[in-house]
Amino acid sequence: MELMKCYLPPENCPNMKAPKLNLEIKAALSDVNIKKDLYSQSKQNQLANSLAAIGRALNWALSSNNTVPQDIIKSLSDAGRLVCDSHYKESLSRRYAALSTLNRSIKDTVKNTNIDEHLFGSALSEHIKTSKAINKTGSEIKQKIQRPQYRNLSATQTRGALNSRGAPPHVAAAVQPRPTPAPRRPPRDRRQEAPRVRRPTSNARHQTRRR
């Protein structure tokens, strides 16, 4: 855009430009994420041109021999502050999009870096090396806890019961034989018993009395 060339950021303010994506992070991103980051960089560079235009207007207002109303100066200053905040939030959005694709060990190291000319700081490689060395040293000096191993008694009993040599002693003692049932009495022979005398009923007694 030709208009952007008319308001280039001043050379003594390099942080007005969009911060560059670190090569270490770029190597871990996909092609789609890299294109999205390039588009965000173009928006930030356009915001930098807007800041340059506002700064030029403020310089003219402050250095002019004519008295410029304070309201105009304040409005230009507020506009510059708003554009700076949008520029910074765009950098945070780019960092968040890149961090979401990294593994957890690297993410914890990268997210604590500061933004300068690069999105994750110019000393990112040193931070990563230091983090890896700390993790390696911590894993070496960390005490390994040995947990006691418990035997599965149910599995042991099952294997012992299926063994051809018989069940283990503690299993055999637990299994007791069933008691032998008592012999049943033989049935009585009713033919050898004396016949029972049937008692006369009330009707039979009444007929006997009449006779």
N, C-alpha and C. Protein backbone atom coordinates (compact mmCIF):
# COMPACT_ATOMS: atom_id res chain seq x y z
N MET A 1 0.85 -1.19 0.00
CA MET A 1 0.00 0.00 0.00
C MET A 1 0.89 1.24 0.00
N GLU A 2 0.60 2.15 -0.90
CA GLU A 2 1.40 3.35 -1.05
C GLU A 2 1.29 4.26 0.17
N LEU A 3 0.13 4.26 0.82
CA LEU A 3 -0.05 5.13 1.98
C LEU A 3 0.84 4.72 3.14
N MET A 4 1.09 3.44 3.27
CA MET A 4 1.94 2.96 4.36
C MET A 4 3.39 3.41 4.17
N LYS A 5 3.82 3.57 2.94
CA LYS A 5 5.19 4.03 2.68
C LYS A 5 5.39 5.48 3.06
N CYS A 6 4.31 6.22 3.16
CA CYS A 6 4.43 7.65 3.53
C CYS A 6 4.62 7.83 5.03
N TYR A 7 4.29 6.83 5.83
CA TYR A 7 4.39 6.95 7.29
C TYR A 7 5.14 5.75 7.85
N LEU A 8 6.40 5.69 7.55
CA LEU A 8 7.24 4.60 8.04
C LEU A 8 7.60 4.84 9.50
N PRO A 9 7.71 3.79 10.31
CA PRO A 9 8.11 3.98 11.71
C PRO A 9 9.51 4.56 11.81
N PRO A 10 9.76 5.39 12.79
CA PRO A 10 11.11 5.96 12.93
C PRO A 10 12.14 4.88 13.28
N GLU A 11 13.37 5.13 12.90
CA GLU A 11 14.42 4.14 13.12
C GLU A 11 14.77 3.96 14.59
N ASN A 12 14.53 4.96 15.41
CA ASN A 12 14.85 4.85 16.83
C ASN A 12 13.74 4.16 17.63
N CYS A 13 12.73 3.66 16.95
CA CYS A 13 11.63 2.93 17.61
C CYS A 13 11.43 1.59 16.91
N PRO A 14 12.36 0.64 17.06
CA PRO A 14 12.23 -0.64 16.35
C PRO A 14 11.08 -1.49 16.84
N ASN A 15 10.64 -1.30 18.09
CA ASN A 15 9.55 -2.13 18.62
C ASN A 15 8.18 -1.74 18.08
N MET A 16 8.12 -0.66 17.30
CA MET A 16 6.85 -0.32 16.67
C MET A 16 6.50 -1.31 15.56
N LYS A 17 7.50 -1.93 14.98
CA LYS A 17 7.25 -2.91 13.92
C LYS A 17 6.75 -4.22 14.54
N ALA A 18 6.17 -5.02 13.69
CA ALA A 18 5.67 -6.32 14.16
C ALA A 18 6.85 -7.19 14.58
N PRO A 19 6.82 -7.78 15.76
CA PRO A 19 7.92 -8.66 16.18
C PRO A 19 8.02 -9.89 15.28
N LYS A 20 9.26 -10.29 15.03
CA LYS A 20 9.49 -11.43 14.15
C LYS A 20 9.22 -12.74 14.90
N LEU A 21 8.78 -13.72 14.15
CA LEU A 21 8.54 -15.04 14.73
C LEU A 21 9.88 -15.77 14.89
N ASN A 22 10.14 -16.28 16.08
CA ASN A 22 11.40 -16.98 16.33
C ASN A 22 11.51 -18.22 15.45
N LEU A 23 12.72 -18.50 15.00
CA LEU A 23 12.93 -19.64 14.11
C LEU A 23 12.64 -20.96 14.82
N GLU A 24 12.93 -21.03 16.12
CA GLU A 24 12.67 -22.26 16.86
C GLU A 24 11.17 -22.57 16.89
N ILE A 25 10.34 -21.53 17.03
CA ILE A 25 8.89 -21.72 17.06
C ILE A 25 8.36 -21.96 15.65
N LYS A 26 8.91 -21.28 14.71
CA LYS A 26 8.46 -21.43 13.33
C LYS A 26 8.66 -22.85 12.82
N ALA A 27 9.76 -23.48 13.25
CA ALA A 27 10.02 -24.86 12.81
C ALA A 27 9.00 -25.84 13.36
N ALA A 28 8.32 -25.49 14.46
CA ALA A 28 7.34 -26.39 15.07
C ALA A 28 5.92 -26.14 14.58
N LEU A 29 5.70 -25.07 13.81
CA LEU A 29 4.35 -24.73 13.36
C LEU A 29 4.06 -25.35 11.99
N SER A 30 2.80 -25.54 11.72
CA SER A 30 2.38 -26.03 10.41
C SER A 30 2.33 -24.87 9.41
N ASP A 31 2.17 -25.19 8.15
CA ASP A 31 2.12 -24.16 7.11
C ASP A 31 0.92 -23.23 7.29
N VAL A 32 -0.19 -23.79 7.74
CA VAL A 32 -1.39 -22.97 7.94
C VAL A 32 -1.16 -21.96 9.06
N ASN A 33 -0.55 -22.40 10.16
CA ASN A 33 -0.30 -21.50 11.28
C ASN A 33 0.73 -20.44 10.92
N ILE A 34 1.68 -20.79 10.08
CA ILE A 34 2.68 -19.80 9.66
C ILE A 34 2.01 -18.71 8.80
N LYS A 35 1.10 -19.10 7.93
CA LYS A 35 0.39 -18.11 7.11
C LYS A 35 -0.48 -17.20 7.97
N LYS A 36 -1.12 -17.77 9.00
CA LYS A 36 -1.91 -16.95 9.90
C LYS A 36 -1.04 -15.94 10.65
N ASP A 37 0.15 -16.37 11.03
CA ASP A 37 1.05 -15.46 11.73
C ASP A 37 1.55 -14.35 10.81
N LEU A 38 1.81 -14.67 9.57
CA LEU A 38 2.23 -13.64 8.62
C LEU A 38 1.13 -12.60 8.40
N TYR A 39 -0.12 -13.04 8.39
CA TYR A 39 -1.24 -12.10 8.24
C TYR A 39 -1.33 -11.19 9.47
N SER A 40 -1.12 -11.74 10.65
CA SER A 40 -1.13 -10.91 11.85
C SER A 40 0.03 -9.93 11.86
N GLN A 41 1.17 -10.33 11.33
CA GLN A 41 2.30 -9.41 11.21
C GLN A 41 1.97 -8.22 10.31
N SER A 42 1.28 -8.48 9.21
CA SER A 42 0.91 -7.38 8.30
C SER A 42 -0.04 -6.40 8.99
N LYS A 43 -0.95 -6.90 9.83
CA LYS A 43 -1.84 -6.00 10.57
C LYS A 43 -1.05 -5.16 11.57
N GLN A 44 -0.08 -5.77 12.23
CA GLN A 44 0.72 -5.02 13.19
C GLN A 44 1.58 -3.96 12.50
N ASN A 45 2.10 -4.27 11.33
CA ASN A 45 2.88 -3.27 10.60
C ASN A 45 2.01 -2.10 10.15
N GLN A 46 0.76 -2.37 9.83
CA GLN A 46 -0.15 -1.29 9.47
C GLN A 46 -0.48 -0.42 10.70
N LEU A 47 -0.60 -1.05 11.86
CA LEU A 47 -0.77 -0.28 13.09
C LEU A 47 0.46 0.57 13.38
N ALA A 48 1.65 0.04 13.07
CA ALA A 48 2.87 0.83 13.26
C ALA A 48 2.87 2.06 12.36
N ASN A 49 2.38 1.93 11.12
CA ASN A 49 2.27 3.09 10.24
C ASN A 49 1.27 4.11 10.78
N SER A 50 0.20 3.62 11.39
CA SER A 50 -0.77 4.53 11.99
C SER A 50 -0.15 5.30 13.15
N LEU A 51 0.65 4.62 13.95
CA LEU A 51 1.34 5.30 15.04
C LEU A 51 2.31 6.35 14.51
N ALA A 52 2.99 6.02 13.44
CA ALA A 52 3.92 6.98 12.85
C ALA A 52 3.18 8.22 12.36
N ALA A 53 2.01 8.06 11.77
CA ALA A 53 1.23 9.21 11.29
C ALA A 53 0.74 10.06 12.47
N ILE A 54 0.30 9.42 13.54
CA ILE A 54 -0.15 10.16 14.72
C ILE A 54 1.02 10.89 15.37
N GLY A 55 2.17 10.22 15.44
CA GLY A 55 3.35 10.86 16.01
C GLY A 55 3.80 12.07 15.21
N ARG A 56 3.71 12.01 13.90
CA ARG A 56 4.08 13.15 13.07
C ARG A 56 3.14 14.34 13.33
N ALA A 57 1.85 14.04 13.49
CA ALA A 57 0.89 15.12 13.77
C ALA A 57 1.16 15.74 15.14
N LEU A 58 1.51 14.93 16.14
CA LEU A 58 1.81 15.46 17.46
C LEU A 58 3.07 16.32 17.44
N ASN A 59 4.09 15.88 16.73
CA ASN A 59 5.31 16.68 16.62
C ASN A 59 5.03 18.04 15.98
N TRP A 60 4.21 18.04 14.96
CA TRP A 60 3.87 19.31 14.30
C TRP A 60 3.10 20.22 15.25
N ALA A 61 2.15 19.62 16.03
CA ALA A 61 1.34 20.44 16.94
C ALA A 61 2.18 21.02 18.07
N LEU A 62 3.14 20.26 18.58
CA LEU A 62 3.94 20.73 19.70
C LEU A 62 5.03 21.71 19.26
N SER A 63 5.52 21.54 18.05
CA SER A 63 6.60 22.43 17.58
C SER A 63 6.08 23.63 16.79
N SER A 64 4.79 23.72 16.62
CA SER A 64 4.23 24.83 15.84
C SER A 64 4.28 26.12 16.66
N ASN A 65 4.53 27.20 15.97
CA ASN A 65 4.53 28.51 16.63
C ASN A 65 3.11 28.93 17.01
N ASN A 66 2.16 28.46 16.26
CA ASN A 66 0.78 28.78 16.57
C ASN A 66 0.31 27.94 17.76
N THR A 67 -0.58 28.48 18.52
CA THR A 67 -1.11 27.78 19.68
C THR A 67 -2.15 26.76 19.21
N VAL A 68 -1.87 25.51 19.58
CA VAL A 68 -2.78 24.42 19.21
C VAL A 68 -3.63 24.10 20.43
N PRO A 69 -4.92 23.98 20.26
CA PRO A 69 -5.76 23.66 21.42
C PRO A 69 -5.34 22.34 22.07
N GLN A 70 -5.44 22.33 23.38
CA GLN A 70 -5.05 21.14 24.14
C GLN A 70 -5.95 19.94 23.84
N ASP A 71 -7.18 20.23 23.47
CA ASP A 71 -8.08 19.12 23.15
C ASP A 71 -7.58 18.32 21.95
N ILE A 72 -7.01 19.03 20.97
CA ILE A 72 -6.49 18.33 19.78
C ILE A 72 -5.28 17.48 20.16
N ILE A 73 -4.41 18.04 20.98
CA ILE A 73 -3.22 17.29 21.40
C ILE A 73 -3.63 16.07 22.22
N LYS A 74 -4.58 16.26 23.11
CA LYS A 74 -5.03 15.14 23.93
C LYS A 74 -5.68 14.05 23.08
N SER A 75 -6.48 14.45 22.09
CA SER A 75 -7.13 13.46 21.23
C SER A 75 -6.10 12.67 20.44
N LEU A 76 -5.08 13.35 19.92
CA LEU A 76 -4.03 12.65 19.18
C LEU A 76 -3.25 11.71 20.09
N SER A 77 -2.99 12.14 21.32
CA SER A 77 -2.27 11.29 22.27
C SER A 77 -3.10 10.05 22.62
N ASP A 78 -4.40 10.24 22.85
CA ASP A 78 -5.25 9.09 23.19
C ASP A 78 -5.35 8.12 22.01
N ALA A 79 -5.40 8.66 20.80
CA ALA A 79 -5.45 7.79 19.63
C ALA A 79 -4.18 6.94 19.52
N GLY A 80 -3.04 7.56 19.81
CA GLY A 80 -1.79 6.81 19.78
C GLY A 80 -1.74 5.73 20.85
N ARG A 81 -2.26 6.01 22.02
CA ARG A 81 -2.28 5.00 23.09
C ARG A 81 -3.19 3.83 22.73
N LEU A 82 -4.32 4.12 22.12
CA LEU A 82 -5.23 3.04 21.71
C LEU A 82 -4.60 2.16 20.64
N VAL A 83 -3.90 2.77 19.70
CA VAL A 83 -3.25 1.99 18.65
C VAL A 83 -2.12 1.14 19.24
N CYS A 84 -1.40 1.70 20.22
CA CYS A 84 -0.34 0.91 20.86
C CYS A 84 -0.91 -0.30 21.59
N ASP A 85 -2.05 -0.13 22.25
CA ASP A 85 -2.67 -1.25 22.95
C ASP A 85 -3.13 -2.34 21.97
N SER A 86 -3.67 -1.93 20.83
CA SER A 86 -4.07 -2.92 19.82
C SER A 86 -2.86 -3.66 19.27
N HIS A 87 -1.76 -2.95 19.10
CA HIS A 87 -0.53 -3.56 18.62
C HIS A 87 -0.03 -4.62 19.60
N TYR A 88 -0.07 -4.31 20.89
CA TYR A 88 0.40 -5.25 21.90
C TYR A 88 -0.52 -6.46 22.01
N LYS A 89 -1.83 -6.25 21.95
CA LYS A 89 -2.77 -7.38 22.03
C LYS A 89 -2.65 -8.30 20.82
N GLU A 90 -2.29 -7.75 19.69
CA GLU A 90 -2.07 -8.60 18.52
C GLU A 90 -0.84 -9.49 18.72
N SER A 91 0.16 -8.98 19.40
CA SER A 91 1.33 -9.80 19.71
C SER A 91 0.96 -10.93 20.67
N LEU A 92 0.12 -10.61 21.67
CA LEU A 92 -0.32 -11.65 22.59
C LEU A 92 -1.14 -12.72 21.88
N SER A 93 -1.96 -12.31 20.94
CA SER A 93 -2.75 -13.28 20.18
C SER A 93 -1.85 -14.18 19.34
N ARG A 94 -0.82 -13.66 18.78
CA ARG A 94 0.11 -14.47 18.00
C ARG A 94 0.84 -15.47 18.90
N ARG A 95 1.23 -15.03 20.09
CA ARG A 95 1.91 -15.93 21.03
C ARG A 95 0.98 -17.07 21.46
N TYR A 96 -0.27 -16.74 21.75
CA TYR A 96 -1.21 -17.77 22.18
C TYR A 96 -1.44 -18.80 21.08
N ALA A 97 -1.55 -18.35 19.84
CA ALA A 97 -1.77 -19.29 18.73
C ALA A 97 -0.57 -20.21 18.55
N ALA A 98 0.62 -19.70 18.77
CA ALA A 98 1.82 -20.54 18.63
C ALA A 98 1.99 -21.49 19.81
N LEU A 99 1.68 -21.03 21.03
CA LEU A 99 1.83 -21.88 22.21
C LEU A 99 0.88 -23.06 22.21
N SER A 100 -0.27 -22.90 21.59
CA SER A 100 -1.26 -23.98 21.58
C SER A 100 -0.80 -25.20 20.78
N THR A 101 0.22 -25.06 19.96
CA THR A 101 0.72 -26.17 19.15
C THR A 101 1.98 -26.81 19.72
N LEU A 102 2.51 -26.29 20.83
CA LEU A 102 3.75 -26.81 21.42
C LEU A 102 3.43 -27.81 22.51
N ASN A 103 4.42 -28.66 22.83
CA ASN A 103 4.24 -29.60 23.93
C ASN A 103 4.38 -28.88 25.26
N ARG A 104 3.97 -29.56 26.31
CA ARG A 104 3.85 -28.90 27.61
C ARG A 104 5.20 -28.48 28.17
N SER A 105 6.23 -29.29 28.02
CA SER A 105 7.54 -28.97 28.59
C SER A 105 8.13 -27.71 27.99
N ILE A 106 7.98 -27.53 26.69
CA ILE A 106 8.50 -26.34 26.04
C ILE A 106 7.57 -25.15 26.27
N LYS A 107 6.28 -25.41 26.37
CA LYS A 107 5.32 -24.32 26.55
C LYS A 107 5.57 -23.57 27.85
N ASP A 108 5.87 -24.31 28.94
CA ASP A 108 6.11 -23.66 30.22
C ASP A 108 7.35 -22.77 30.18
N THR A 109 8.32 -23.12 29.36
CA THR A 109 9.52 -22.30 29.24
C THR A 109 9.31 -21.10 28.35
N VAL A 110 8.58 -21.27 27.26
CA VAL A 110 8.44 -20.23 26.26
C VAL A 110 7.49 -19.12 26.72
N LYS A 111 6.45 -19.49 27.48
CA LYS A 111 5.43 -18.49 27.82
C LYS A 111 5.94 -17.43 28.79
N ASN A 112 7.07 -17.66 29.45
CA ASN A 112 7.61 -16.68 30.40
C ASN A 112 8.61 -15.71 29.76
N THR A 113 8.78 -15.78 28.48
CA THR A 113 9.72 -14.88 27.80
C THR A 113 9.05 -13.52 27.54
N ASN A 114 9.88 -12.51 27.26
CA ASN A 114 9.39 -11.16 26.99
C ASN A 114 9.45 -10.86 25.49
N ILE A 115 8.57 -9.98 25.06
CA ILE A 115 8.51 -9.59 23.65
C ILE A 115 9.50 -8.46 23.40
N ASP A 116 10.32 -8.61 22.39
CA ASP A 116 11.19 -7.51 21.92
C ASP A 116 11.11 -7.49 20.40
N GLU A 117 12.21 -7.52 19.74
CA GLU A 117 12.19 -7.58 18.28
C GLU A 117 11.67 -8.93 17.79
N HIS A 118 11.72 -9.93 18.63
CA HIS A 118 11.18 -11.25 18.32
C HIS A 118 9.97 -11.51 19.21
N LEU A 119 9.08 -12.34 18.72
CA LEU A 119 7.82 -12.58 19.41
C LEU A 119 8.03 -13.25 20.76
N PHE A 120 9.03 -14.13 20.87
CA PHE A 120 9.31 -14.81 22.12
C PHE A 120 10.68 -14.42 22.68
N GLY A 121 11.15 -13.27 22.34
CA GLY A 121 12.42 -12.79 22.87
C GLY A 121 13.60 -13.26 22.04
N SER A 122 14.64 -12.45 22.04
CA SER A 122 15.82 -12.78 21.24
C SER A 122 16.65 -13.90 21.86
N ALA A 123 16.49 -14.14 23.16
CA ALA A 123 17.28 -15.17 23.85
C ALA A 123 16.47 -16.44 24.07
N LEU A 124 15.57 -16.76 23.15
CA LEU A 124 14.73 -17.94 23.34
C LEU A 124 15.54 -19.23 23.34
N SER A 125 16.51 -19.36 22.46
CA SER A 125 17.30 -20.58 22.40
C SER A 125 18.04 -20.85 23.70
N GLU A 126 18.52 -19.78 24.36
CA GLU A 126 19.21 -19.96 25.64
C GLU A 126 18.24 -20.42 26.72
N HIS A 127 17.02 -19.90 26.70
CA HIS A 127 16.02 -20.33 27.68
C HIS A 127 15.68 -21.81 27.51
N ILE A 128 15.59 -22.25 26.26
CA ILE A 128 15.26 -23.66 26.01
C ILE A 128 16.39 -24.58 26.46
N LYS A 129 17.62 -24.19 26.19
CA LYS A 129 18.77 -25.00 26.61
C LYS A 129 18.84 -25.09 28.14
N THR A 130 18.61 -23.96 28.79
CA THR A 130 18.66 -23.96 30.26
C THR A 130 17.55 -24.83 30.84
N SER A 131 16.35 -24.76 30.26
CA SER A 131 15.24 -25.56 30.75
C SER A 131 15.52 -27.06 30.59
N LYS A 132 16.06 -27.46 29.46
CA LYS A 132 16.38 -28.87 29.24
C LYS A 132 17.45 -29.36 30.21
N ALA A 133 18.46 -28.51 30.47
CA ALA A 133 19.51 -28.91 31.41
C ALA A 133 18.96 -29.06 32.83
N ILE A 134 18.03 -28.18 33.22
CA ILE A 134 17.43 -28.28 34.56
C ILE A 134 16.59 -29.54 34.69
N ASN A 135 15.80 -29.84 33.66
CA ASN A 135 14.97 -31.05 33.70
C ASN A 135 15.82 -32.31 33.74
N LYS A 136 16.91 -32.32 33.01
CA LYS A 136 17.79 -33.49 33.01
C LYS A 136 18.43 -33.69 34.37
N THR A 137 18.90 -32.59 34.98
CA THR A 137 19.53 -32.69 36.29
C THR A 137 18.52 -33.13 37.35
N GLY A 138 17.29 -32.60 37.25
CA GLY A 138 16.26 -32.98 38.22
C GLY A 138 15.89 -34.44 38.13
N SER A 139 15.82 -34.99 36.91
CA SER A 139 15.50 -36.41 36.76
C SER A 139 16.61 -37.30 37.27
N GLU A 140 17.87 -36.84 37.22
CA GLU A 140 18.99 -37.65 37.69
C GLU A 140 19.05 -37.71 39.21
N ILE A 141 18.75 -36.60 39.86
CA ILE A 141 18.87 -36.56 41.33
C ILE A 141 17.56 -36.95 42.01
N LYS A 142 16.52 -37.16 41.27
CA LYS A 142 15.24 -37.53 41.87
C LYS A 142 15.30 -38.95 42.38
N GLN A 143 14.85 -39.16 43.61
CA GLN A 143 14.86 -40.49 44.21
C GLN A 143 13.72 -41.32 43.66
N LYS A 144 14.05 -42.53 43.27
CA LYS A 144 13.05 -43.43 42.74
C LYS A 144 12.41 -44.20 43.90
N ILE A 145 11.12 -44.19 43.98
CA ILE A 145 10.37 -44.86 45.04
C ILE A 145 9.96 -46.24 44.56
N GLN A 146 10.38 -47.25 45.30
CA GLN A 146 10.03 -48.63 44.95
C GLN A 146 8.79 -49.03 45.75
N ARG A 147 7.76 -49.35 45.06
CA ARG A 147 6.52 -49.75 45.69
C ARG A 147 6.53 -51.25 45.99
N PRO A 148 6.02 -51.67 47.16
CA PRO A 148 5.98 -53.12 47.47
C PRO A 148 5.04 -53.86 46.54
N GLN A 149 5.44 -55.08 46.22
CA GLN A 149 4.63 -55.90 45.33
C GLN A 149 3.77 -56.85 46.17
N TYR A 150 2.48 -56.84 45.92
CA TYR A 150 1.53 -57.68 46.64
C TYR A 150 1.16 -58.88 45.78
N ARG A 151 1.13 -60.08 46.43
CA ARG A 151 0.77 -61.30 45.71
C ARG A 151 -0.74 -61.42 45.65
N ASN A 152 -1.21 -61.92 44.56
CA ASN A 152 -2.64 -62.14 44.37
C ASN A 152 -3.01 -63.50 44.95
N LEU A 153 -3.64 -63.50 46.16
CA LEU A 153 -3.93 -64.76 46.85
C LEU A 153 -4.96 -65.59 46.09
N SER A 154 -5.93 -64.93 45.49
CA SER A 154 -6.95 -65.68 44.76
C SER A 154 -6.36 -66.43 43.59
N ALA A 155 -5.41 -65.80 42.90
CA ALA A 155 -4.77 -66.48 41.77
C ALA A 155 -3.92 -67.64 42.26
N THR A 156 -3.25 -67.43 43.43
CA THR A 156 -2.42 -68.51 43.97
C THR A 156 -3.27 -69.70 44.37
N GLN A 157 -4.42 -69.45 45.01
CA GLN A 157 -5.29 -70.55 45.40
C GLN A 157 -5.83 -71.30 44.21
N THR A 158 -6.16 -70.57 43.16
CA THR A 158 -6.69 -71.23 41.96
C THR A 158 -5.65 -72.12 41.31
N ARG A 159 -4.41 -71.60 41.24
CA ARG A 159 -3.36 -72.42 40.63
C ARG A 159 -3.08 -73.66 41.48
N GLY A 160 -3.11 -73.49 42.85
CA GLY A 160 -2.86 -74.65 43.70
C GLY A 160 -3.95 -75.68 43.61
N ALA A 161 -5.21 -75.24 43.45
CA ALA A 161 -6.32 -76.19 43.37
C ALA A 161 -6.28 -76.98 42.09
N LEU A 162 -5.77 -76.37 41.03
CA LEU A 162 -5.70 -77.06 39.74
C LEU A 162 -4.44 -77.89 39.59
N ASN A 163 -3.54 -77.84 40.55
CA ASN A 163 -2.29 -78.58 40.45
C ASN A 163 -2.56 -80.07 40.70
N SER A 164 -1.82 -80.94 40.01
CA SER A 164 -2.02 -82.38 40.17
C SER A 164 -1.57 -82.88 41.53
N ARG A 165 -0.68 -82.15 42.20
CA ARG A 165 -0.18 -82.59 43.50
C ARG A 165 -1.16 -82.29 44.63
N GLY A 166 -2.21 -81.58 44.33
CA GLY A 166 -3.18 -81.26 45.37
C GLY A 166 -3.11 -79.81 45.77
N ALA A 167 -4.06 -79.42 46.61
CA ALA A 167 -4.14 -78.04 47.05
C ALA A 167 -3.06 -77.73 48.06
N PRO A 168 -2.68 -76.47 48.23
CA PRO A 168 -1.70 -76.10 49.25
C PRO A 168 -2.22 -76.45 50.63
N PRO A 169 -1.31 -76.51 51.65
CA PRO A 169 -1.74 -76.91 53.00
C PRO A 169 -2.81 -76.00 53.58
N HIS A 170 -2.64 -74.65 53.39
CA HIS A 170 -3.60 -73.74 53.99
C HIS A 170 -4.96 -73.85 53.30
N VAL A 171 -4.97 -74.29 52.03
CA VAL A 171 -6.24 -74.47 51.34
C VAL A 171 -6.87 -75.80 51.75
N ALA A 172 -6.04 -76.85 51.88
CA ALA A 172 -6.57 -78.16 52.25
C ALA A 172 -7.14 -78.15 53.66
N ALA A 173 -6.51 -77.37 54.57
CA ALA A 173 -7.02 -77.31 55.94
C ALA A 173 -8.35 -76.60 55.99
N ALA A 174 -8.52 -75.64 55.09
CA ALA A 174 -9.77 -74.89 55.11
C ALA A 174 -10.93 -75.72 54.59
N VAL A 175 -10.66 -76.72 53.75
CA VAL A 175 -11.72 -77.54 53.18
C VAL A 175 -11.95 -78.74 54.10
N GLN A 176 -13.05 -78.85 54.78
CA GLN A 176 -13.37 -79.94 55.70
C GLN A 176 -14.35 -80.90 55.05
N PRO A 177 -14.23 -82.23 55.33
CA PRO A 177 -15.17 -83.19 54.72
C PRO A 177 -16.56 -83.05 55.33
N ARG A 178 -17.55 -83.38 54.59
CA ARG A 178 -18.93 -83.30 55.06
C ARG A 178 -19.22 -84.47 56.01
N PRO A 179 -19.99 -84.25 57.06
CA PRO A 179 -20.31 -85.35 58.00
C PRO A 179 -21.19 -86.41 57.33
N THR A 180 -20.99 -87.68 57.75
CA THR A 180 -21.77 -88.79 57.18
C THR A 180 -23.19 -88.77 57.76
N PRO A 181 -24.20 -88.78 56.95
CA PRO A 181 -25.57 -88.73 57.50
C PRO A 181 -25.91 -90.01 58.27
N ALA A 182 -26.77 -89.85 59.30
CA ALA A 182 -27.19 -91.01 60.13
C ALA A 182 -28.05 -91.97 59.31
N PRO A 183 -27.95 -93.31 59.59
CA PRO A 183 -28.76 -94.29 58.82
C PRO A 183 -30.24 -94.14 59.12
N ARG A 184 -31.02 -94.32 58.14
CA ARG A 184 -32.47 -94.21 58.30
C ARG A 184 -33.03 -95.51 58.92
N ARG A 185 -34.12 -95.33 59.69
CA ARG A 185 -34.79 -96.49 60.31
C ARG A 185 -35.54 -97.27 59.24
N PRO A 186 -35.52 -98.63 59.30
CA PRO A 186 -36.26 -99.41 58.28
C PRO A 186 -37.76 -99.24 58.46
N PRO A 187 -38.51 -99.34 57.44
CA PRO A 187 -39.98 -99.19 57.56
C PRO A 187 -40.59 -100.37 58.34
N ARG A 188 -41.67 -100.10 59.07
CA ARG A 188 -42.33 -101.13 59.89
C ARG A 188 -43.19 -102.04 59.02
N ASP A 189 -43.23 -103.30 59.42
CA ASP A 189 -44.07 -104.27 58.71
C ASP A 189 -45.44 -104.32 59.40
N ARG A 190 -46.39 -103.72 58.79
CA ARG A 190 -47.71 -103.61 59.41
C ARG A 190 -48.42 -104.97 59.49
N ARG A 191 -48.01 -105.94 58.73
CA ARG A 191 -48.68 -107.26 58.78
C ARG A 191 -48.36 -108.01 60.06
N GLN A 192 -47.19 -107.79 60.65
CA GLN A 192 -46.82 -108.47 61.88
C GLN A 192 -47.41 -107.82 63.12
N GLU A 193 -47.93 -106.61 62.96
CA GLU A 193 -48.50 -105.91 64.11
C GLU A 193 -49.88 -106.46 64.41
N ALA A 194 -50.33 -106.39 65.72
CA ALA A 194 -51.67 -106.84 66.14
C ALA A 194 -52.71 -105.92 65.56
N PRO A 195 -53.83 -106.49 65.13
CA PRO A 195 -54.85 -105.61 64.54
C PRO A 195 -55.45 -104.72 65.60
N ARG A 196 -55.69 -103.55 65.22
CA ARG A 196 -56.27 -102.57 66.13
C ARG A 196 -57.78 -102.71 66.13
N VAL A 197 -58.38 -102.56 67.36
CA VAL A 197 -59.84 -102.63 67.51
C VAL A 197 -60.40 -101.25 67.28
N ARG A 198 -61.27 -101.21 66.34
CA ARG A 198 -61.88 -99.93 66.04
C ARG A 198 -62.92 -99.62 67.07
N ARG A 199 -62.91 -98.45 67.57
CA ARG A 199 -63.87 -98.00 68.57
C ARG A 199 -65.17 -97.67 67.88
N PRO A 200 -66.32 -98.10 68.50
CA PRO A 200 -67.62 -97.80 67.83
C PRO A 200 -67.91 -96.32 67.85
N THR A 201 -68.54 -95.93 66.82
CA THR A 201 -68.90 -94.52 66.71
C THR A 201 -70.14 -94.26 67.54
N SER A 202 -70.58 -93.01 67.58
CA SER A 202 -71.75 -92.61 68.39
C SER A 202 -73.03 -93.23 67.84
N ASN A 203 -73.15 -93.41 66.51
CA ASN A 203 -74.34 -94.02 65.93
C ASN A 203 -74.44 -95.48 66.30
N ALA A 204 -73.26 -96.14 66.27
CA ALA A 204 -73.27 -97.57 66.64
C ALA A 204 -73.68 -97.76 68.09
N ARG A 205 -73.24 -96.87 68.96
CA ARG A 205 -73.60 -96.97 70.38
C ARG A 205 -75.12 -96.77 70.57
N HIS A 206 -75.67 -95.87 69.84
CA HIS A 206 -77.09 -95.58 69.98
C HIS A 206 -77.93 -96.78 69.55
N GLN A 207 -77.52 -97.45 68.45
CA GLN A 207 -78.27 -98.65 68.01
C GLN A 207 -78.14 -99.76 69.01
N THR A 208 -77.02 -99.91 69.64
CA THR A 208 -76.83 -100.98 70.64
C THR A 208 -77.76 -100.78 71.84
N ARG A 209 -77.90 -99.56 72.24
CA ARG A 209 -78.79 -99.30 73.37
C ARG A 209 -80.24 -99.62 73.04
N ARG A 210 -80.68 -99.37 71.82
CA ARG A 210 -82.06 -99.66 71.45
C ARG A 210 -82.32 -101.15 71.49
N ARG A 211 -81.34 -101.93 71.04
CA ARG A 211 -81.50 -103.37 71.07
C ARG A 211 -81.62 -103.90 72.52
